[in-house]
């Protein structure tokens, strides 16, 4: 289950990346959201809503 912060951050980041190929995946086991855009951008949103480039 996602936290309240994750969906908000996910929508914000996905909106910023809509001009390129985009994959969004929820890792239910770890409770994290993974975003991949094109071949270069990978972002992980942690349960607390903080995110990092991978």
N, C-alpha and C. Protein backbone atom coordinates (compact mmCIF):
# COMPACT_ATOMS: atom_id res chain seq x y z
N UNK A 1 0.83 -1.18 0.00
CA UNK A 1 0.00 0.00 0.00
C UNK A 1 0.89 1.25 0.00
N UNK A 2 0.52 2.22 -0.78
CA UNK A 2 1.31 3.45 -0.84
C UNK A 2 0.98 4.38 0.32
N UNK A 3 1.90 5.28 0.60
CA UNK A 3 1.65 6.29 1.62
C UNK A 3 1.00 7.50 0.95
N UNK A 4 0.53 8.44 1.73
CA UNK A 4 -0.13 9.63 1.19
C UNK A 4 0.83 10.50 0.37
N UNK A 5 2.09 10.49 0.73
CA UNK A 5 3.06 11.33 0.04
C UNK A 5 3.46 10.79 -1.33
N UNK A 6 3.49 9.46 -1.47
CA UNK A 6 3.97 8.85 -2.71
C UNK A 6 3.11 9.19 -3.94
N UNK A 7 1.80 9.02 -3.90
CA UNK A 7 1.02 9.33 -5.11
C UNK A 7 1.16 10.79 -5.55
N UNK A 8 1.23 11.70 -4.60
CA UNK A 8 1.39 13.11 -4.95
C UNK A 8 2.72 13.35 -5.67
N UNK A 9 3.78 12.79 -5.14
CA UNK A 9 5.10 12.96 -5.76
C UNK A 9 5.14 12.25 -7.10
N UNK A 10 4.51 11.10 -7.21
CA UNK A 10 4.48 10.34 -8.46
C UNK A 10 3.79 11.14 -9.57
N UNK A 11 2.64 11.71 -9.25
CA UNK A 11 1.91 12.51 -10.24
C UNK A 11 2.74 13.72 -10.67
N UNK A 12 3.35 14.38 -9.71
CA UNK A 12 4.19 15.54 -10.02
C UNK A 12 5.34 15.17 -10.97
N UNK A 13 6.05 14.09 -10.64
CA UNK A 13 7.20 13.69 -11.46
C UNK A 13 6.75 13.16 -12.82
N UNK A 14 5.66 12.40 -12.88
CA UNK A 14 5.17 11.87 -14.15
C UNK A 14 4.73 12.99 -15.07
N UNK A 15 4.08 14.00 -14.52
CA UNK A 15 3.66 15.13 -15.33
C UNK A 15 4.87 15.82 -15.95
N UNK A 16 5.95 15.92 -15.20
CA UNK A 16 7.17 16.55 -15.71
C UNK A 16 7.84 15.71 -16.79
N UNK A 17 7.55 14.42 -16.84
CA UNK A 17 8.21 13.51 -17.78
C UNK A 17 7.31 13.06 -18.93
N UNK A 18 6.14 13.65 -19.11
CA UNK A 18 5.16 13.15 -20.07
C UNK A 18 5.58 13.28 -21.52
N UNK A 19 6.62 14.02 -21.82
CA UNK A 19 7.02 14.18 -23.21
C UNK A 19 7.89 13.03 -23.71
N UNK A 20 8.25 12.10 -22.85
CA UNK A 20 9.09 10.97 -23.25
C UNK A 20 8.46 9.66 -22.78
N UNK A 21 8.98 8.54 -23.27
CA UNK A 21 8.51 7.22 -22.90
C UNK A 21 8.55 7.05 -21.39
N UNK A 22 7.48 6.52 -20.81
CA UNK A 22 7.36 6.50 -19.36
C UNK A 22 6.82 5.16 -18.86
N UNK A 23 7.45 4.60 -17.82
CA UNK A 23 6.97 3.39 -17.13
C UNK A 23 6.87 3.73 -15.66
N UNK A 24 5.74 3.42 -15.04
CA UNK A 24 5.55 3.62 -13.61
C UNK A 24 5.17 2.27 -13.01
N UNK A 25 5.84 1.88 -11.95
CA UNK A 25 5.59 0.56 -11.34
C UNK A 25 5.63 0.68 -9.82
N UNK A 26 4.68 0.03 -9.16
CA UNK A 26 4.64 -0.03 -7.71
C UNK A 26 5.26 -1.35 -7.26
N UNK A 27 6.28 -1.26 -6.42
CA UNK A 27 6.89 -2.45 -5.83
C UNK A 27 6.17 -2.71 -4.51
N UNK A 28 5.18 -3.58 -4.53
CA UNK A 28 4.38 -3.85 -3.34
C UNK A 28 5.19 -4.47 -2.22
N UNK A 29 6.19 -5.23 -2.57
CA UNK A 29 7.03 -5.88 -1.57
C UNK A 29 7.81 -4.86 -0.74
N UNK A 30 8.36 -3.85 -1.40
CA UNK A 30 9.17 -2.83 -0.72
C UNK A 30 8.37 -1.57 -0.42
N UNK A 31 7.18 -1.42 -1.03
CA UNK A 31 6.38 -0.23 -0.81
C UNK A 31 6.95 1.01 -1.47
N UNK A 32 7.58 0.84 -2.63
CA UNK A 32 8.20 1.95 -3.34
C UNK A 32 7.62 2.07 -4.74
N UNK A 33 7.69 3.27 -5.30
CA UNK A 33 7.24 3.51 -6.67
C UNK A 33 8.48 3.75 -7.53
N UNK A 34 8.55 3.05 -8.67
CA UNK A 34 9.67 3.16 -9.60
C UNK A 34 9.18 3.83 -10.87
N UNK A 35 9.89 4.86 -11.34
CA UNK A 35 9.56 5.55 -12.58
C UNK A 35 10.76 5.46 -13.51
N UNK A 36 10.50 5.04 -14.75
CA UNK A 36 11.56 5.03 -15.77
C UNK A 36 11.06 5.84 -16.95
N UNK A 37 11.89 6.77 -17.40
CA UNK A 37 11.55 7.62 -18.52
C UNK A 37 12.67 7.56 -19.54
N UNK A 38 12.35 7.10 -20.73
CA UNK A 38 13.38 6.95 -21.75
C UNK A 38 14.39 5.91 -21.30
N UNK A 39 15.62 6.05 -21.75
CA UNK A 39 16.68 5.11 -21.38
C UNK A 39 17.57 5.63 -20.27
N UNK A 40 17.38 6.89 -19.85
CA UNK A 40 18.33 7.49 -18.94
C UNK A 40 17.78 7.85 -17.57
N UNK A 41 16.51 8.15 -17.45
CA UNK A 41 15.98 8.65 -16.19
C UNK A 41 15.29 7.52 -15.43
N UNK A 42 15.76 7.26 -14.23
CA UNK A 42 15.13 6.29 -13.32
C UNK A 42 14.99 6.96 -11.96
N UNK A 43 13.78 6.93 -11.42
CA UNK A 43 13.50 7.59 -10.15
C UNK A 43 12.83 6.59 -9.23
N UNK A 44 13.20 6.61 -7.97
CA UNK A 44 12.59 5.77 -6.95
C UNK A 44 11.97 6.67 -5.89
N UNK A 45 10.66 6.47 -5.63
CA UNK A 45 9.97 7.23 -4.59
C UNK A 45 9.80 6.32 -3.39
N UNK A 46 10.42 6.69 -2.29
CA UNK A 46 10.35 5.90 -1.06
C UNK A 46 9.00 6.09 -0.38
N UNK A 47 8.75 5.29 0.64
CA UNK A 47 7.48 5.34 1.37
C UNK A 47 7.21 6.70 2.01
N UNK A 48 8.25 7.43 2.35
CA UNK A 48 8.06 8.73 2.99
C UNK A 48 7.88 9.87 1.99
N UNK A 49 7.88 9.55 0.68
CA UNK A 49 7.67 10.55 -0.35
C UNK A 49 8.96 11.16 -0.87
N UNK A 50 10.08 10.88 -0.24
CA UNK A 50 11.37 11.35 -0.76
C UNK A 50 11.73 10.53 -2.00
N UNK A 51 12.45 11.13 -2.93
CA UNK A 51 12.79 10.42 -4.15
C UNK A 51 14.26 10.64 -4.49
N UNK A 52 14.78 9.69 -5.27
CA UNK A 52 16.17 9.74 -5.71
C UNK A 52 16.27 9.31 -7.16
N UNK A 53 17.28 9.87 -7.86
CA UNK A 53 17.64 9.37 -9.17
C UNK A 53 18.47 8.12 -8.98
N UNK A 54 18.25 7.13 -9.81
CA UNK A 54 19.05 5.91 -9.75
C UNK A 54 20.11 5.91 -10.82
